[in-house]
Amino acid sequence: MAGKYAPLENYLRDLPITKKEVILSFEQIEGILKSKLPSSAYEDRRWWDKEKEGNHVSARSWTNAGWKINEVDFDKKSVKLVRVK
């Protein structure tokens, strides 16, 4: 695993197995990545819903770690992820 979203994948993998959901602010995610999210992440649910295949490395980061996006709150600028594995 390499690339811009690898730190997010590692962060999610390292969460305790007992943790079944996590809410991360966009700011927290940017801190984990040490990089800004694209503007579409702040405006469009489709950025968060992209499938695992193809060039969607952002979605691959959480799906590879065993998580999925459950909720996106654009007002609070946060996402709720739930463990799927």
PDB file of N, CA and C in Angstrom:
ATOM      1  N   MET A   1       0.842  -1.164   0.000  1.00  0.00           N
ATOM      2  CA  MET A   1       0.000   0.000   0.000  1.00  0.00           C
ATOM      3  C   MET A   1       0.894   1.237   0.000  1.00  0.00           C
ATOM      4  N   ALA A   2       0.605   2.127  -0.905  1.00  0.00           N
ATOM      5  CA  ALA A   2       1.350   3.378  -0.981  1.00  0.00           C
ATOM      6  C   ALA A   2       0.396   4.461  -1.431  1.00  0.00           C
ATOM      7  N   GLY A   3       0.838   5.669  -1.315  1.00  0.00           N
ATOM      8  CA  GLY A   3       0.040   6.758  -1.830  1.00  0.00           C
ATOM      9  C   GLY A   3      -0.486   7.679  -0.757  1.00  0.00           C
ATOM     10  N   LYS A   4      -1.168   8.690  -1.219  1.00  0.00           N
ATOM     11  CA  LYS A   4      -1.663   9.767  -0.372  1.00  0.00           C
ATOM     12  C   LYS A   4      -2.563   9.282   0.754  1.00  0.00           C
ATOM     13  N   TYR A   5      -3.388   8.258   0.509  1.00  0.00           N
ATOM     14  CA  TYR A   5      -4.383   7.824   1.491  1.00  0.00           C
ATOM     15  C   TYR A   5      -3.907   6.656   2.365  1.00  0.00           C
ATOM     16  N   ALA A   6      -2.671   6.224   2.189  1.00  0.00           N
ATOM     17  CA  ALA A   6      -2.119   5.134   3.002  1.00  0.00           C
ATOM     18  C   ALA A   6      -2.147   5.459   4.504  1.00  0.00           C
ATOM     19  N   PRO A   7      -1.841   6.687   4.919  1.00  0.00           N
ATOM     20  CA  PRO A   7      -1.905   6.976   6.358  1.00  0.00           C
ATOM     21  C   PRO A   7      -3.307   6.793   6.945  1.00  0.00           C
ATOM     22  N   LEU A   8      -4.330   7.101   6.170  1.00  0.00           N
ATOM     23  CA  LEU A   8      -5.701   6.900   6.646  1.00  0.00           C
ATOM     24  C   LEU A   8      -6.003   5.416   6.771  1.00  0.00           C
ATOM     25  N   GLU A   9      -5.577   4.637   5.796  1.00  0.00           N
ATOM     26  CA  GLU A   9      -5.770   3.185   5.870  1.00  0.00           C
ATOM     27  C   GLU A   9      -5.064   2.626   7.104  1.00  0.00           C
ATOM     28  N   ASN A  10      -3.848   3.052   7.349  1.00  0.00           N
ATOM     29  CA  ASN A  10      -3.098   2.579   8.514  1.00  0.00           C
ATOM     30  C   ASN A  10      -3.781   3.000   9.816  1.00  0.00           C
ATOM     31  N   TYR A  11      -4.255   4.228   9.872  1.00  0.00           N
ATOM     32  CA  TYR A  11      -4.951   4.713  11.060  1.00  0.00           C
ATOM     33  C   TYR A  11      -6.157   3.840  11.374  1.00  0.00           C
ATOM     34  N   LEU A  12      -6.964   3.558  10.352  1.00  0.00           N
ATOM     35  CA  LEU A  12      -8.167   2.746  10.565  1.00  0.00           C
ATOM     36  C   LEU A  12      -7.817   1.308  10.928  1.00  0.00           C
ATOM     37  N   ARG A  13      -6.794   0.757  10.304  1.00  0.00           N
ATOM     38  CA  ARG A  13      -6.350  -0.610  10.636  1.00  0.00           C
ATOM     39  C   ARG A  13      -5.890  -0.719  12.087  1.00  0.00           C
ATOM     40  N   ASP A  14      -5.289   0.357  12.579  1.00  0.00           N
ATOM     41  CA  ASP A  14      -4.709   0.330  13.919  1.00  0.00           C
ATOM     42  C   ASP A  14      -5.721   0.579  15.034  1.00  0.00           C
ATOM     43  N   LEU A  15      -6.953   0.916  14.681  1.00  0.00           N
ATOM     44  CA  LEU A  15      -7.972   1.095  15.714  1.00  0.00           C
ATOM     45  C   LEU A  15      -8.271  -0.251  16.375  1.00  0.00           C
ATOM     46  N   PRO A  16      -8.564  -0.259  17.659  1.00  0.00           N
ATOM     47  CA  PRO A  16      -8.857  -1.524  18.350  1.00  0.00           C
ATOM     48  C   PRO A  16     -10.011  -2.268  17.677  1.00  0.00           C
ATOM     49  N   ILE A  17      -9.920  -3.575  17.611  1.00  0.00           N
ATOM     50  CA  ILE A  17     -10.940  -4.405  16.962  1.00  0.00           C
ATOM     51  C   ILE A  17     -12.302  -4.229  17.626  1.00  0.00           C
ATOM     52  N   THR A  18     -12.297  -3.819  18.883  1.00  0.00           N
ATOM     53  CA  THR A  18     -13.556  -3.602  19.605  1.00  0.00           C
ATOM     54  C   THR A  18     -14.260  -2.319  19.155  1.00  0.00           C
ATOM     55  N   LYS A  19     -13.543  -1.448  18.480  1.00  0.00           N
ATOM     56  CA  LYS A  19     -14.123  -0.193  17.977  1.00  0.00           C
ATOM     57  C   LYS A  19     -14.907  -0.505  16.706  1.00  0.00           C
ATOM     58  N   LYS A  20     -16.209  -0.325  16.767  1.00  0.00           N
ATOM     59  CA  LYS A  20     -17.092  -0.686  15.643  1.00  0.00           C
ATOM     60  C   LYS A  20     -17.463   0.497  14.761  1.00  0.00           C
ATOM     61  N   GLU A  21     -17.276   1.715  15.285  1.00  0.00           N
ATOM     62  CA  GLU A  21     -17.546   2.907  14.482  1.00  0.00           C
ATOM     63  C   GLU A  21     -16.647   4.034  14.961  1.00  0.00           C
ATOM     64  N   VAL A  22     -16.410   4.968  14.056  1.00  0.00           N
ATOM     65  CA  VAL A  22     -15.581   6.119  14.379  1.00  0.00           C
ATOM     66  C   VAL A  22     -16.097   7.313  13.570  1.00  0.00           C
ATOM     67  N   ILE A  23     -16.112   8.461  14.219  1.00  0.00           N
ATOM     68  CA  ILE A  23     -16.458   9.711  13.534  1.00  0.00           C
ATOM     69  C   ILE A  23     -15.190  10.541  13.452  1.00  0.00           C
ATOM     70  N   LEU A  24     -14.855  10.912  12.229  1.00  0.00           N
ATOM     71  CA  LEU A  24     -13.678  11.735  11.988  1.00  0.00           C
ATOM     72  C   LEU A  24     -14.091  13.020  11.294  1.00  0.00           C
ATOM     73  N   SER A  25     -13.572  14.127  11.770  1.00  0.00           N
ATOM     74  CA  SER A  25     -13.821  15.386  11.073  1.00  0.00           C
ATOM     75  C   SER A  25     -12.931  15.418   9.832  1.00  0.00           C
ATOM     76  N   PHE A  26     -13.329  16.220   8.875  1.00  0.00           N
ATOM     77  CA  PHE A  26     -12.495  16.379   7.682  1.00  0.00           C
ATOM     78  C   PHE A  26     -11.113  16.887   8.095  1.00  0.00           C
ATOM     79  N   GLU A  27     -11.089  17.760   9.095  1.00  0.00           N
ATOM     80  CA  GLU A  27      -9.823  18.300   9.591  1.00  0.00           C
ATOM     81  C   GLU A  27      -8.946  17.190  10.181  1.00  0.00           C
ATOM     82  N   GLN A  28      -9.550  16.268  10.931  1.00  0.00           N
ATOM     83  CA  GLN A  28      -8.787  15.142  11.485  1.00  0.00           C
ATOM     84  C   GLN A  28      -8.216  14.285  10.354  1.00  0.00           C
ATOM     85  N   ILE A  29      -9.023  14.033   9.345  1.00  0.00           N
ATOM     86  CA  ILE A  29      -8.556  13.222   8.212  1.00  0.00           C
ATOM     87  C   ILE A  29      -7.388  13.920   7.523  1.00  0.00           C
ATOM     88  N   GLU A  30      -7.511  15.227   7.336  1.00  0.00           N
ATOM     89  CA  GLU A  30      -6.405  15.972   6.718  1.00  0.00           C
ATOM     90  C   GLU A  30      -5.155  15.924   7.584  1.00  0.00           C
ATOM     91  N   GLY A  31      -5.326  15.928   8.894  1.00  0.00           N
ATOM     92  CA  GLY A  31      -4.186  15.790   9.795  1.00  0.00           C
ATOM     93  C   GLY A  31      -3.527  14.428   9.665  1.00  0.00           C
ATOM     94  N   ILE A  32      -4.337  13.388   9.549  1.00  0.00           N
ATOM     95  CA  ILE A  32      -3.818  12.034   9.371  1.00  0.00           C
ATOM     96  C   ILE A  32      -3.061  11.943   8.048  1.00  0.00           C
ATOM     97  N   LEU A  33      -3.628  12.562   7.016  1.00  0.00           N
ATOM     98  CA  LEU A  33      -3.022  12.511   5.676  1.00  0.00           C
ATOM     99  C   LEU A  33      -1.866  13.493   5.518  1.00  0.00           C
ATOM    100  N   LYS A  34      -1.831  14.513   6.397  1.00  0.00           N
ATOM    101  CA  LYS A  34      -0.883  15.617   6.242  1.00  0.00           C
ATOM    102  C   LYS A  34      -1.051  16.262   4.865  1.00  0.00           C
ATOM    103  N   SER A  35      -2.315  16.346   4.459  1.00  0.00           N
ATOM    104  CA  SER A  35      -2.658  16.881   3.141  1.00  0.00           C
ATOM    105  C   SER A  35      -4.132  17.258   3.140  1.00  0.00           C
ATOM    106  N   LYS A  36      -4.487  18.229   2.333  1.00  0.00           N
ATOM    107  CA  LYS A  36      -5.876  18.657   2.217  1.00  0.00           C
ATOM    108  C   LYS A  36      -6.688  17.643   1.416  1.00  0.00           C
ATOM    109  N   LEU A  37      -7.943  17.483   1.790  1.00  0.00           N
ATOM    110  CA  LEU A  37      -8.886  16.716   0.983  1.00  0.00           C
ATOM    111  C   LEU A  37      -9.270  17.564  -0.235  1.00  0.00           C
ATOM    112  N   PRO A  38      -9.658  16.927  -1.333  1.00  0.00           N
ATOM    113  CA  PRO A  38     -10.100  17.711  -2.488  1.00  0.00           C
ATOM    114  C   PRO A  38     -11.399  18.443  -2.170  1.00  0.00           C
ATOM    115  N   SER A  39     -11.651  19.512  -2.879  1.00  0.00           N
ATOM    116  CA  SER A  39     -12.863  20.297  -2.622  1.00  0.00           C
ATOM    117  C   SER A  39     -14.123  19.458  -2.783  1.00  0.00           C
ATOM    118  N   SER A  40     -14.104  18.465  -3.669  1.00  0.00           N
ATOM    119  CA  SER A  40     -15.284  17.615  -3.862  1.00  0.00           C
ATOM    120  C   SER A  40     -15.630  16.828  -2.599  1.00  0.00           C
ATOM    121  N   ALA A  41     -14.654  16.545  -1.747  1.00  0.00           N
ATOM    122  CA  ALA A  41     -14.920  15.839  -0.491  1.00  0.00           C
ATOM    123  C   ALA A  41     -15.752  16.698   0.452  1.00  0.00           C
ATOM    124  N   TYR A  42     -15.657  18.012   0.306  1.00  0.00           N
ATOM    125  CA  TYR A  42     -16.411  18.945   1.144  1.00  0.00           C
ATOM    126  C   TYR A  42     -17.803  19.230   0.605  1.00  0.00           C
ATOM    127  N   GLU A  43     -18.089  18.794  -0.638  1.00  0.00           N
ATOM    128  CA  GLU A  43     -19.325  19.212  -1.301  1.00  0.00           C
ATOM    129  C   GLU A  43     -20.188  18.076  -1.827  1.00  0.00           C
ATOM    130  N   ASP A  44     -19.613  16.918  -2.063  1.00  0.00           N
ATOM    131  CA  ASP A  44     -20.307  15.910  -2.851  1.00  0.00           C
ATOM    132  C   ASP A  44     -20.201  14.529  -2.207  1.00  0.00           C
ATOM    133  N   ARG A  45     -21.324  13.990  -1.821  1.00  0.00           N
ATOM    134  CA  ARG A  45     -21.359  12.656  -1.196  1.00  0.00           C
ATOM    135  C   ARG A  45     -20.716  11.599  -2.096  1.00  0.00           C
ATOM    136  N   ARG A  46     -20.818  11.796  -3.396  1.00  0.00           N
ATOM    137  CA  ARG A  46     -20.260  10.799  -4.321  1.00  0.00           C
ATOM    138  C   ARG A  46     -18.763  10.596  -4.127  1.00  0.00           C
ATOM    139  N   TRP A  47     -18.052  11.625  -3.658  1.00  0.00           N
ATOM    140  CA  TRP A  47     -16.623  11.445  -3.415  1.00  0.00           C
ATOM    141  C   TRP A  47     -16.401  10.370  -2.355  1.00  0.00           C
ATOM    142  N   TRP A  48     -17.252  10.326  -1.367  1.00  0.00           N
ATOM    143  CA  TRP A  48     -17.139   9.368  -0.268  1.00  0.00           C
ATOM    144  C   TRP A  48     -17.692   8.002  -0.630  1.00  0.00           C
ATOM    145  N   ASP A  49     -18.564   7.945  -1.631  1.00  0.00           N
ATOM    146  CA  ASP A  49     -19.241   6.699  -1.999  1.00  0.00           C
ATOM    147  C   ASP A  49     -18.567   5.920  -3.122  1.00  0.00           C
ATOM    148  N   LYS A  50     -17.462   6.382  -3.605  1.00  0.00           N
ATOM    149  CA  LYS A  50     -16.821   5.713  -4.744  1.00  0.00           C
ATOM    150  C   LYS A  50     -16.508   4.265  -4.416  1.00  0.00           C
ATOM    151  N   GLU A  51     -16.614   3.441  -5.444  1.00  0.00           N
ATOM    152  CA  GLU A  51     -16.370   2.010  -5.252  1.00  0.00           C
ATOM    153  C   GLU A  51     -14.887   1.725  -5.055  1.00  0.00           C
ATOM    154  N   LYS A  52     -14.606   0.506  -4.649  1.00  0.00           N
ATOM    155  CA  LYS A  52     -13.254   0.091  -4.304  1.00  0.00           C
ATOM    156  C   LYS A  52     -12.353  -0.048  -5.532  1.00  0.00           C
ATOM    157  N   GLU A  53     -12.902  -0.471  -6.652  1.00  0.00           N
ATOM    158  CA  GLU A  53     -12.089  -0.707  -7.835  1.00  0.00           C
ATOM    159  C   GLU A  53     -11.781   0.604  -8.551  1.00  0.00           C
ATOM    160  N   GLY A  54     -10.879   0.504  -9.509  1.00  0.00           N
ATOM    161  CA  GLY A  54     -10.560   1.668 -10.327  1.00  0.00           C
ATOM    162  C   GLY A  54      -9.546   2.567  -9.643  1.00  0.00           C
ATOM    163  N   ASN A  55      -9.641   3.841  -9.951  1.00  0.00           N
ATOM    164  CA  ASN A  55      -8.659   4.811  -9.454  1.00  0.00           C
ATOM    165  C   ASN A  55      -9.096   5.515  -8.179  1.00  0.00           C
ATOM    166  N   HIS A  56     -10.062   4.987  -7.503  1.00  0.00           N
ATOM    167  CA  HIS A  56     -10.608   5.653  -6.327  1.00  0.00           C
ATOM    168  C   HIS A  56      -9.810   5.278  -5.084  1.00  0.00           C
ATOM    169  N   VAL A  57      -8.603   5.804  -5.016  1.00  0.00           N
ATOM    170  CA  VAL A  57      -7.699   5.416  -3.935  1.00  0.00           C
ATOM    171  C   VAL A  57      -8.196   5.862  -2.571  1.00  0.00           C
ATOM    172  N   SER A  58      -9.008   6.912  -2.536  1.00  0.00           N
ATOM    173  CA  SER A  58      -9.530   7.340  -1.241  1.00  0.00           C
ATOM    174  C   SER A  58     -10.439   6.264  -0.661  1.00  0.00           C
ATOM    175  N   ALA A  59     -11.396   5.803  -1.423  1.00  0.00           N
ATOM    176  CA  ALA A  59     -12.317   4.769  -0.942  1.00  0.00           C
ATOM    177  C   ALA A  59     -11.581   3.474  -0.662  1.00  0.00           C
ATOM    178  N   ARG A  60     -10.582   3.165  -1.450  1.00  0.00           N
ATOM    179  CA  ARG A  60      -9.822   1.947  -1.221  1.00  0.00           C
ATOM    180  C   ARG A  60      -9.144   1.984   0.144  1.00  0.00           C
ATOM    181  N   SER A  61      -8.760   3.161   0.615  1.00  0.00           N
ATOM    182  CA  SER A  61      -8.053   3.255   1.893  1.00  0.00           C
ATOM    183  C   SER A  61      -8.915   2.747   3.038  1.00  0.00           C
ATOM    184  N   TRP A  62     -10.183   3.113   3.083  1.00  0.00           N
ATOM    185  CA  TRP A  62     -11.007   2.624   4.199  1.00  0.00           C
ATOM    186  C   TRP A  62     -11.570   1.248   3.935  1.00  0.00           C
ATOM    187  N   THR A  63     -11.872   0.905   2.686  1.00  0.00           N
ATOM    188  CA  THR A  63     -12.389  -0.442   2.437  1.00  0.00           C
ATOM    189  C   THR A  63     -11.304  -1.490   2.660  1.00  0.00           C
ATOM    190  N   ASN A  64     -10.075  -1.190   2.269  1.00  0.00           N
ATOM    191  CA  ASN A  64      -8.972  -2.131   2.511  1.00  0.00           C
ATOM    192  C   ASN A  64      -8.746  -2.343   4.000  1.00  0.00           C
ATOM    193  N   ALA A  65      -9.038  -1.327   4.795  1.00  0.00           N
ATOM    194  CA  ALA A  65      -8.849  -1.428   6.244  1.00  0.00           C
ATOM    195  C   ALA A  65     -10.046  -2.071   6.941  1.00  0.00           C
ATOM    196  N   GLY A  66     -11.111  -2.374   6.170  1.00  0.00           N
ATOM    197  CA  GLY A  66     -12.272  -3.048   6.753  1.00  0.00           C
ATOM    198  C   GLY A  66     -13.356  -2.118   7.248  1.00  0.00           C
ATOM    199  N   TRP A  67     -13.436  -0.930   6.692  1.00  0.00           N
ATOM    200  CA  TRP A  67     -14.417   0.073   7.101  1.00  0.00           C
ATOM    201  C   TRP A  67     -15.225   0.535   5.902  1.00  0.00           C
ATOM    202  N   LYS A  68     -16.395   1.111   6.170  1.00  0.00           N
ATOM    203  CA  LYS A  68     -17.181   1.744   5.109  1.00  0.00           C
ATOM    204  C   LYS A  68     -17.758   3.041   5.651  1.00  0.00           C
ATOM    205  N   ILE A  69     -18.048   3.945   4.736  1.00  0.00           N
ATOM    206  CA  ILE A  69     -18.657   5.212   5.106  1.00  0.00           C
ATOM    207  C   ILE A  69     -20.132   4.960   5.389  1.00  0.00           C
ATOM    208  N   ASN A  70     -20.567   5.346   6.573  1.00  0.00           N
ATOM    209  CA  ASN A  70     -21.960   5.174   6.963  1.00  0.00           C
ATOM    210  C   ASN A  70     -22.734   6.472   6.816  1.00  0.00           C
ATOM    211  N   GLU A  71     -22.050   7.587   7.076  1.00  0.00           N
ATOM    212  CA  GLU A  71     -22.725   8.878   7.091  1.00  0.00           C
ATOM    213  C   GLU A  71     -21.718   9.985   6.796  1.00  0.00           C
ATOM    214  N   VAL A  72     -22.145  10.969   6.021  1.00  0.00           N
ATOM    215  CA  VAL A  72     -21.338  12.156   5.770  1.00  0.00           C
ATOM    216  C   VAL A  72     -22.163  13.360   6.220  1.00  0.00           C
ATOM    217  N   ASP A  73     -21.594  14.180   7.074  1.00  0.00           N
ATOM    218  CA  ASP A  73     -22.280  15.377   7.558  1.00  0.00           C
ATOM    219  C   ASP A  73     -21.509  16.597   7.049  1.00  0.00           C
ATOM    220  N   PHE A  74     -22.029  17.214   5.999  1.00  0.00           N
ATOM    221  CA  PHE A  74     -21.339  18.357   5.409  1.00  0.00           C
ATOM    222  C   PHE A  74     -21.431  19.600   6.289  1.00  0.00           C
ATOM    223  N   ASP A  75     -22.456  19.709   7.114  1.00  0.00           N
ATOM    224  CA  ASP A  75     -22.562  20.843   8.039  1.00  0.00           C
ATOM    225  C   ASP A  75     -21.478  20.771   9.112  1.00  0.00           C
ATOM    226  N   LYS A  76     -21.287  19.585   9.654  1.00  0.00           N
ATOM    227  CA  LYS A  76     -20.270  19.393  10.698  1.00  0.00           C
ATOM    228  C   LYS A  76     -18.899  19.056  10.108  1.00  0.00           C
ATOM    229  N   LYS A  77     -18.865  18.837   8.791  1.00  0.00           N
ATOM    230  CA  LYS A  77     -17.626  18.458   8.102  1.00  0.00           C
ATOM    231  C   LYS A  77     -17.004  17.225   8.760  1.00  0.00           C
ATOM    232  N   SER A  78     -17.807  16.154   8.771  1.00  0.00           N
ATOM    233  CA  SER A  78     -17.343  14.910   9.383  1.00  0.00           C
ATOM    234  C   SER A  78     -17.927  13.702   8.664  1.00  0.00           C
ATOM    235  N   VAL A  79     -17.299  12.568   8.887  1.00  0.00           N
ATOM    236  CA  VAL A  79     -17.789  11.298   8.356  1.00  0.00           C
ATOM    237  C   VAL A  79     -17.850  10.273   9.474  1.00  0.00           C
ATOM    238  N   LYS A  80     -18.821   9.413   9.382  1.00  0.00           N
ATOM    239  CA  LYS A  80     -18.947   8.296  10.315  1.00  0.00           C
ATOM    240  C   LYS A  80     -18.620   7.039   9.531  1.00  0.00           C
ATOM    241  N   LEU A  81     -17.651   6.296  10.016  1.00  0.00           N
ATOM    242  CA  LEU A  81     -17.266   5.027   9.406  1.00  0.00           C
ATOM    243  C   LEU A  81     -17.657   3.898  10.341  1.00  0.00           C
ATOM    244  N   VAL A  82     -18.055   2.776   9.765  1.00  0.00           N
ATOM    245  CA  VAL A  82     -18.386   1.587  10.550  1.00  0.00           C
ATOM    246  C   VAL A  82     -17.554   0.418  10.058  1.00  0.00           C
ATOM    247  N   ARG A  83     -17.180  -0.423  10.997  1.00  0.00           N
ATOM    248  CA  ARG A  83     -16.346  -1.588  10.664  1.00  0.00           C
ATOM    249  C   ARG A  83     -17.201  -2.632   9.949  1.00  0.00           C
ATOM    250  N   VAL A  84     -16.667  -3.194   8.880  1.00  0.00           N
ATOM    251  CA  VAL A  84     -17.408  -4.217   8.135  1.00  0.00           C
ATOM    252  C   VAL A  84     -16.753  -5.591   8.229  1.00  0.00           C
ATOM    253  N   LYS A  85     -15.526  -5.681   8.695  1.00  0.00           N
ATOM    254  CA  LYS A  85     -14.854  -6.979   8.819  1.00  0.00           C
ATOM    255  C   LYS A  85     -14.824  -7.401  10.263  1.00  0.00           C
TER     256      LYS A  85
END
